Amino acid sequence: MVPKNTTPISIVVNGETRAVCSGASIADLVRALDLDPEHLAIEVDRHIVKRATWADTVLTDGAKLEIVRFVGGG
C-alpha cells in the first residue's frame, strides 16, 4: 500500500505490522484492504473512531489498529 515517491510509515493492524504511506487515512486503509466499510468497527490506539471521521483521521507511525468485521447470522 506504499506508492513510489512517498514516505512509508509502520502501523499494526490486528497484530500484524503493515507499511502505509504517510498521510494515509483510515478510509484509505479500508479501501486498500478491500473491506466493506458498512460492516466494520475500527479502534486506533484503544479509541473507537466514528466512521464519519475515517477520511479525516490520518494514520501515524506506530499506530495500533483493531478492525472488527460484523458478520450476520442467526
PDB file of N, CA and C in Angstrom:
ATOM      1  N   MET A   1       0.823  -1.196   0.000  1.00  0.00           N
ATOM      2  CA  MET A   1       0.000   0.000   0.000  1.00  0.00           C
ATOM      3  C   MET A   1       0.864   1.257   0.000  1.00  0.00           C
ATOM      4  N   VAL A   2       2.148   1.129  -0.209  1.00  0.00           N
ATOM      5  CA  VAL A   2       3.017   2.300  -0.216  1.00  0.00           C
ATOM      6  C   VAL A   2       3.409   2.608  -1.662  1.00  0.00           C
ATOM      7  N   PRO A   3       2.825   3.664  -2.262  1.00  0.00           N
ATOM      8  CA  PRO A   3       3.201   4.020  -3.626  1.00  0.00           C
ATOM      9  C   PRO A   3       4.628   4.559  -3.676  1.00  0.00           C
ATOM     10  N   LYS A   4       5.209   4.552  -4.872  1.00  0.00           N
ATOM     11  CA  LYS A   4       6.548   5.130  -5.037  1.00  0.00           C
ATOM     12  C   LYS A   4       6.490   6.618  -4.721  1.00  0.00           C
ATOM     13  N   ASN A   5       7.621   7.159  -4.327  1.00  0.00           N
ATOM     14  CA  ASN A   5       7.776   8.589  -4.036  1.00  0.00           C
ATOM     15  C   ASN A   5       7.004   9.038  -2.802  1.00  0.00           C
ATOM     16  N   THR A   6       6.694   8.131  -1.892  1.00  0.00           N
ATOM     17  CA  THR A   6       6.082   8.514  -0.624  1.00  0.00           C
ATOM     18  C   THR A   6       6.914   7.929   0.504  1.00  0.00           C
ATOM     19  N   THR A   7       6.778   8.508   1.649  1.00  0.00           N
ATOM     20  CA  THR A   7       7.494   8.025   2.816  1.00  0.00           C
ATOM     21  C   THR A   7       6.626   6.994   3.530  1.00  0.00           C
ATOM     22  N   PRO A   8       7.112   5.771   3.683  1.00  0.00           N
ATOM     23  CA  PRO A   8       6.308   4.768   4.376  1.00  0.00           C
ATOM     24  C   PRO A   8       6.363   4.964   5.895  1.00  0.00           C
ATOM     25  N   ILE A   9       5.270   4.607   6.531  1.00  0.00           N
ATOM     26  CA  ILE A   9       5.225   4.534   7.984  1.00  0.00           C
ATOM     27  C   ILE A   9       4.774   3.128   8.342  1.00  0.00           C
ATOM     28  N   SER A  10       4.989   2.747   9.563  1.00  0.00           N
ATOM     29  CA  SER A  10       4.636   1.409  10.027  1.00  0.00           C
ATOM     30  C   SER A  10       3.470   1.505  10.999  1.00  0.00           C
ATOM     31  N   ILE A  11       2.434   0.696  10.751  1.00  0.00           N
ATOM     32  CA  ILE A  11       1.302   0.603  11.663  1.00  0.00           C
ATOM     33  C   ILE A  11       1.072  -0.872  11.987  1.00  0.00           C
ATOM     34  N   VAL A  12       0.272  -1.134  12.992  1.00  0.00           N
ATOM     35  CA  VAL A  12      -0.065  -2.504  13.357  1.00  0.00           C
ATOM     36  C   VAL A  12      -1.576  -2.651  13.228  1.00  0.00           C
ATOM     37  N   VAL A  13      -2.002  -3.609  12.390  1.00  0.00           N
ATOM     38  CA  VAL A  13      -3.424  -3.862  12.171  1.00  0.00           C
ATOM     39  C   VAL A  13      -3.734  -5.271  12.654  1.00  0.00           C
ATOM     40  N   ASN A  14      -4.554  -5.354  13.688  1.00  0.00           N
ATOM     41  CA  ASN A  14      -4.930  -6.644  14.273  1.00  0.00           C
ATOM     42  C   ASN A  14      -3.692  -7.513  14.553  1.00  0.00           C
ATOM     43  N   GLY A  15      -2.653  -6.876  15.088  1.00  0.00           N
ATOM     44  CA  GLY A  15      -1.447  -7.590  15.486  1.00  0.00           C
ATOM     45  C   GLY A  15      -0.433  -7.788  14.381  1.00  0.00           C
ATOM     46  N   GLU A  16      -0.739  -7.372  13.145  1.00  0.00           N
ATOM     47  CA  GLU A  16       0.162  -7.555  12.010  1.00  0.00           C
ATOM     48  C   GLU A  16       0.741  -6.213  11.582  1.00  0.00           C
ATOM     49  N   THR A  17       2.066  -6.137  11.499  1.00  0.00           N
ATOM     50  CA  THR A  17       2.714  -4.893  11.077  1.00  0.00           C
ATOM     51  C   THR A  17       2.525  -4.698   9.579  1.00  0.00           C
ATOM     52  N   ARG A  18       2.166  -3.455   9.205  1.00  0.00           N
ATOM     53  CA  ARG A  18       1.956  -3.104   7.794  1.00  0.00           C
ATOM     54  C   ARG A  18       2.626  -1.774   7.517  1.00  0.00           C
ATOM     55  N   ALA A  19       3.048  -1.598   6.273  1.00  0.00           N
ATOM     56  CA  ALA A  19       3.580  -0.308   5.830  1.00  0.00           C
ATOM     57  C   ALA A  19       2.485   0.408   5.040  1.00  0.00           C
ATOM     58  N   VAL A  20       2.298   1.681   5.343  1.00  0.00           N
ATOM     59  CA  VAL A  20       1.372   2.532   4.597  1.00  0.00           C
ATOM     60  C   VAL A  20       2.088   3.834   4.299  1.00  0.00           C
ATOM     61  N   CYS A  21       1.579   4.590   3.344  1.00  0.00           N
ATOM     62  CA  CYS A  21       2.234   5.860   3.033  1.00  0.00           C
ATOM     63  C   CYS A  21       1.847   6.908   4.073  1.00  0.00           C
ATOM     64  N   SER A  22       2.785   7.786   4.358  1.00  0.00           N
ATOM     65  CA  SER A  22       2.492   8.851   5.312  1.00  0.00           C
ATOM     66  C   SER A  22       1.347   9.687   4.754  1.00  0.00           C
ATOM     67  N   GLY A  23       0.475  10.121   5.614  1.00  0.00           N
ATOM     68  CA  GLY A  23      -0.683  10.898   5.194  1.00  0.00           C
ATOM     69  C   GLY A  23      -1.902  10.050   4.887  1.00  0.00           C
ATOM     70  N   ALA A  24      -1.760   8.708   4.936  1.00  0.00           N
ATOM     71  CA  ALA A  24      -2.898   7.823   4.670  1.00  0.00           C
ATOM     72  C   ALA A  24      -3.914   7.933   5.803  1.00  0.00           C
ATOM     73  N   SER A  25      -5.169   7.884   5.431  1.00  0.00           N
ATOM     74  CA  SER A  25      -6.249   7.943   6.414  1.00  0.00           C
ATOM     75  C   SER A  25      -6.785   6.539   6.679  1.00  0.00           C
ATOM     76  N   ILE A  26      -7.658   6.442   7.659  1.00  0.00           N
ATOM     77  CA  ILE A  26      -8.328   5.164   7.923  1.00  0.00           C
ATOM     78  C   ILE A  26      -9.122   4.749   6.693  1.00  0.00           C
ATOM     79  N   ALA A  27      -9.802   5.687   6.051  1.00  0.00           N
ATOM     80  CA  ALA A  27     -10.577   5.373   4.841  1.00  0.00           C
ATOM     81  C   ALA A  27      -9.670   4.811   3.748  1.00  0.00           C
ATOM     82  N   ASP A  28      -8.466   5.370   3.588  1.00  0.00           N
ATOM     83  CA  ASP A  28      -7.503   4.858   2.604  1.00  0.00           C
ATOM     84  C   ASP A  28      -7.132   3.413   2.922  1.00  0.00           C
ATOM     85  N   LEU A  29      -6.903   3.130   4.199  1.00  0.00           N
ATOM     86  CA  LEU A  29      -6.540   1.782   4.618  1.00  0.00           C
ATOM     87  C   LEU A  29      -7.674   0.805   4.342  1.00  0.00           C
ATOM     88  N   VAL A  30      -8.896   1.187   4.664  1.00  0.00           N
ATOM     89  CA  VAL A  30     -10.057   0.314   4.429  1.00  0.00           C
ATOM     90  C   VAL A  30     -10.164  -0.021   2.942  1.00  0.00           C
ATOM     91  N   ARG A  31      -9.979   0.988   2.079  1.00  0.00           N
ATOM     92  CA  ARG A  31     -10.019   0.747   0.624  1.00  0.00           C
ATOM     93  C   ARG A  31      -8.883  -0.177   0.189  1.00  0.00           C
ATOM     94  N   ALA A  32      -7.679   0.062   0.701  1.00  0.00           N
ATOM     95  CA  ALA A  32      -6.524  -0.746   0.320  1.00  0.00           C
ATOM     96  C   ALA A  32      -6.691  -2.213   0.743  1.00  0.00           C
ATOM     97  N   LEU A  33      -7.363  -2.418   1.859  1.00  0.00           N
ATOM     98  CA  LEU A  33      -7.595  -3.779   2.346  1.00  0.00           C
ATOM     99  C   LEU A  33      -8.837  -4.406   1.723  1.00  0.00           C
ATOM    100  N   ASP A  34      -9.533  -3.629   0.884  1.00  0.00           N
ATOM    101  CA  ASP A  34     -10.739  -4.088   0.181  1.00  0.00           C
ATOM    102  C   ASP A  34     -11.800  -4.596   1.166  1.00  0.00           C
ATOM    103  N   LEU A  35     -12.032  -3.798   2.205  1.00  0.00           N
ATOM    104  CA  LEU A  35     -13.029  -4.137   3.217  1.00  0.00           C
ATOM    105  C   LEU A  35     -14.303  -3.330   2.999  1.00  0.00           C
ATOM    106  N   ASP A  36     -15.432  -3.900   3.371  1.00  0.00           N
ATOM    107  CA  ASP A  36     -16.720  -3.215   3.269  1.00  0.00           C
ATOM    108  C   ASP A  36     -16.884  -2.326   4.502  1.00  0.00           C
ATOM    109  N   PRO A  37     -16.816  -1.002   4.336  1.00  0.00           N
ATOM    110  CA  PRO A  37     -16.865  -0.112   5.500  1.00  0.00           C
ATOM    111  C   PRO A  37     -18.184  -0.168   6.277  1.00  0.00           C
ATOM    112  N   GLU A  38     -19.227  -0.634   5.654  1.00  0.00           N
ATOM    113  CA  GLU A  38     -20.527  -0.711   6.332  1.00  0.00           C
ATOM    114  C   GLU A  38     -20.558  -1.772   7.428  1.00  0.00           C
ATOM    115  N   HIS A  39     -19.610  -2.689   7.403  1.00  0.00           N
ATOM    116  CA  HIS A  39     -19.618  -3.786   8.370  1.00  0.00           C
ATOM    117  C   HIS A  39     -18.384  -3.800   9.264  1.00  0.00           C
ATOM    118  N   LEU A  40     -17.844  -2.602   9.544  1.00  0.00           N
ATOM    119  CA  LEU A  40     -16.619  -2.526  10.333  1.00  0.00           C
ATOM    120  C   LEU A  40     -16.758  -1.620  11.546  1.00  0.00           C
ATOM    121  N   ALA A  41     -15.981  -1.936  12.550  1.00  0.00           N
ATOM    122  CA  ALA A  41     -15.719  -1.020  13.666  1.00  0.00           C
ATOM    123  C   ALA A  41     -14.201  -0.942  13.757  1.00  0.00           C
ATOM    124  N   ILE A  42     -13.679   0.270  13.946  1.00  0.00           N
ATOM    125  CA  ILE A  42     -12.226   0.450  13.969  1.00  0.00           C
ATOM    126  C   ILE A  42     -11.816   1.216  15.220  1.00  0.00           C
ATOM    127  N   GLU A  43     -10.787   0.675  15.855  1.00  0.00           N
ATOM    128  CA  GLU A  43     -10.208   1.286  17.042  1.00  0.00           C
ATOM    129  C   GLU A  43      -8.762   1.652  16.703  1.00  0.00           C
ATOM    130  N   VAL A  44      -8.348   2.858  17.045  1.00  0.00           N
ATOM    131  CA  VAL A  44      -6.966   3.293  16.851  1.00  0.00           C
ATOM    132  C   VAL A  44      -6.410   3.679  18.217  1.00  0.00           C
ATOM    133  N   ASP A  45      -5.341   3.019  18.587  1.00  0.00           N
ATOM    134  CA  ASP A  45      -4.696   3.277  19.875  1.00  0.00           C
ATOM    135  C   ASP A  45      -5.705   3.283  21.018  1.00  0.00           C
ATOM    136  N   ARG A  46      -6.560   2.271  21.008  1.00  0.00           N
ATOM    137  CA  ARG A  46      -7.542   1.998  22.063  1.00  0.00           C
ATOM    138  C   ARG A  46      -8.702   2.995  22.111  1.00  0.00           C
ATOM    139  N   HIS A  47      -8.931   3.711  21.010  1.00  0.00           N
ATOM    140  CA  HIS A  47     -10.073   4.633  20.920  1.00  0.00           C
ATOM    141  C   HIS A  47     -10.890   4.295  19.682  1.00  0.00           C
ATOM    142  N   ILE A  48     -12.189   4.081  19.867  1.00  0.00           N
ATOM    143  CA  ILE A  48     -13.085   3.818  18.741  1.00  0.00           C
ATOM    144  C   ILE A  48     -13.153   5.075  17.881  1.00  0.00           C
ATOM    145  N   VAL A  49     -13.055   4.900  16.570  1.00  0.00           N
ATOM    146  CA  VAL A  49     -13.123   6.030  15.640  1.00  0.00           C
ATOM    147  C   VAL A  49     -14.436   5.936  14.876  1.00  0.00           C
ATOM    148  N   LYS A  50     -15.224   6.992  14.928  1.00  0.00           N
ATOM    149  CA  LYS A  50     -16.510   7.008  14.225  1.00  0.00           C
ATOM    150  C   LYS A  50     -16.286   6.992  12.725  1.00  0.00           C
ATOM    151  N   ARG A  51     -17.118   6.227  12.023  1.00  0.00           N
ATOM    152  CA  ARG A  51     -16.997   6.081  10.582  1.00  0.00           C
ATOM    153  C   ARG A  51     -17.001   7.431   9.864  1.00  0.00           C
ATOM    154  N   ALA A  52     -17.759   8.372  10.352  1.00  0.00           N
ATOM    155  CA  ALA A  52     -17.855   9.692   9.721  1.00  0.00           C
ATOM    156  C   ALA A  52     -16.514  10.431   9.708  1.00  0.00           C
ATOM    157  N   THR A  53     -15.584  10.019  10.573  1.00  0.00           N
ATOM    158  CA  THR A  53     -14.290  10.718  10.644  1.00  0.00           C
ATOM    159  C   THR A  53     -13.135   9.920  10.031  1.00  0.00           C
ATOM    160  N   TRP A  54     -13.407   8.757   9.455  1.00  0.00           N
ATOM    161  CA  TRP A  54     -12.343   7.919   8.910  1.00  0.00           C
ATOM    162  C   TRP A  54     -11.515   8.644   7.850  1.00  0.00           C
ATOM    163  N   ALA A  55     -12.164   9.388   6.969  1.00  0.00           N
ATOM    164  CA  ALA A  55     -11.434  10.072   5.888  1.00  0.00           C
ATOM    165  C   ALA A  55     -10.532  11.176   6.431  1.00  0.00           C
ATOM    166  N   ASP A  56     -10.878  11.723   7.591  1.00  0.00           N
ATOM    167  CA  ASP A  56     -10.108  12.815   8.185  1.00  0.00           C
ATOM    168  C   ASP A  56      -9.103  12.348   9.230  1.00  0.00           C
ATOM    169  N   THR A  57      -9.133  11.065   9.564  1.00  0.00           N
ATOM    170  CA  THR A  57      -8.238  10.534  10.590  1.00  0.00           C
ATOM    171  C   THR A  57      -6.990   9.968   9.928  1.00  0.00           C
ATOM    172  N   VAL A  58      -5.895  10.716  10.041  1.00  0.00           N
ATOM    173  CA  VAL A  58      -4.626  10.332   9.411  1.00  0.00           C
ATOM    174  C   VAL A  58      -3.885   9.372  10.333  1.00  0.00           C
ATOM    175  N   LEU A  59      -3.391   8.301   9.742  1.00  0.00           N
ATOM    176  CA  LEU A  59      -2.635   7.310  10.498  1.00  0.00           C
ATOM    177  C   LEU A  59      -1.236   7.829  10.799  1.00  0.00           C
ATOM    178  N   THR A  60      -0.754   7.514  11.980  1.00  0.00           N
ATOM    179  CA  THR A  60       0.574   7.962  12.393  1.00  0.00           C
ATOM    180  C   THR A  60       1.487   6.757  12.579  1.00  0.00           C
ATOM    181  N   ASP A  61       2.777   6.998  12.453  1.00  0.00           N
ATOM    182  CA  ASP A  61       3.757   5.932  12.610  1.00  0.00           C
ATOM    183  C   ASP A  61       3.583   5.273  13.975  1.00  0.00           C
ATOM    184  N   GLY A  62       3.482   3.952  13.967  1.00  0.00           N
ATOM    185  CA  GLY A  62       3.352   3.199  15.207  1.00  0.00           C
ATOM    186  C   GLY A  62       1.926   3.023  15.699  1.00  0.00           C
ATOM    187  N   ALA A  63       0.943   3.568  14.974  1.00  0.00           N
ATOM    188  CA  ALA A  63      -0.457   3.431  15.394  1.00  0.00           C
ATOM    189  C   ALA A  63      -0.847   1.960  15.449  1.00  0.00           C
ATOM    190  N   LYS A  64      -1.674   1.628  16.433  1.00  0.00           N
ATOM    191  CA  LYS A  64      -2.167   0.259  16.588  1.00  0.00           C
ATOM    192  C   LYS A  64      -3.665   0.261  16.342  1.00  0.00           C
ATOM    193  N   LEU A  65      -4.085  -0.462  15.300  1.00  0.00           N
ATOM    194  CA  LEU A  65      -5.487  -0.521  14.927  1.00  0.00           C
ATOM    195  C   LEU A  65      -6.056  -1.904  15.177  1.00  0.00           C
ATOM    196  N   GLU A  66      -7.288  -1.940  15.595  1.00  0.00           N
ATOM    197  CA  GLU A  66      -8.049  -3.173  15.658  1.00  0.00           C
ATOM    198  C   GLU A  66      -9.258  -2.959  14.750  1.00  0.00           C
ATOM    199  N   ILE A  67      -9.408  -3.837  13.791  1.00  0.00           N
ATOM    200  CA  ILE A  67     -10.538  -3.762  12.863  1.00  0.00           C
ATOM    201  C   ILE A  67     -11.407  -4.982  13.119  1.00  0.00           C
ATOM    202  N   VAL A  68     -12.672  -4.724  13.414  1.00  0.00           N
ATOM    203  CA  VAL A  68     -13.634  -5.803  13.689  1.00  0.00           C
ATOM    204  C   VAL A  68     -14.673  -5.797  12.589  1.00  0.00           C
ATOM    205  N   ARG A  69     -14.905  -6.962  12.007  1.00  0.00           N
ATOM    206  CA  ARG A  69     -15.935  -7.115  10.976  1.00  0.00           C
ATOM    207  C   ARG A  69     -17.176  -7.731  11.592  1.00  0.00           C
ATOM    208  N   PHE A  70     -18.318  -7.112  11.304  1.00  0.00           N
ATOM    209  CA  PHE A  70     -19.582  -7.642  11.774  1.00  0.00           C
ATOM    210  C   PHE A  70     -20.077  -8.684  10.783  1.00  0.00           C
ATOM    211  N   VAL A  71     -20.511  -9.826  11.321  1.00  0.00           N
ATOM    212  CA  VAL A  71     -20.999 -10.903  10.483  1.00  0.00           C
ATOM    213  C   VAL A  71     -22.420 -11.227  10.925  1.00  0.00           C
ATOM    214  N   GLY A  72     -23.339 -11.208   9.970  1.00  0.00           N
ATOM    215  CA  GLY A  72     -24.729 -11.540  10.273  1.00  0.00           C
ATOM    216  C   GLY A  72     -24.924 -13.038  10.351  1.00  0.00           C
ATOM    217  N   GLY A  73     -25.968 -13.413  10.977  1.00  0.00           N
ATOM    218  CA  GLY A  73     -26.283 -14.837  11.085  1.00  0.00           C
ATOM    219  C   GLY A  73     -27.452 -15.031  12.015  1.00  0.00           C
ATOM    220  N   GLY A  74     -27.787 -16.231  12.215  1.00  0.00           N
ATOM    221  CA  GLY A  74     -28.891 -16.416  13.137  1.00  0.00           C
ATOM    222  C   GLY A  74     -29.400 -17.757  13.232  1.00  0.00           C
TER     223      GLY A  74
END
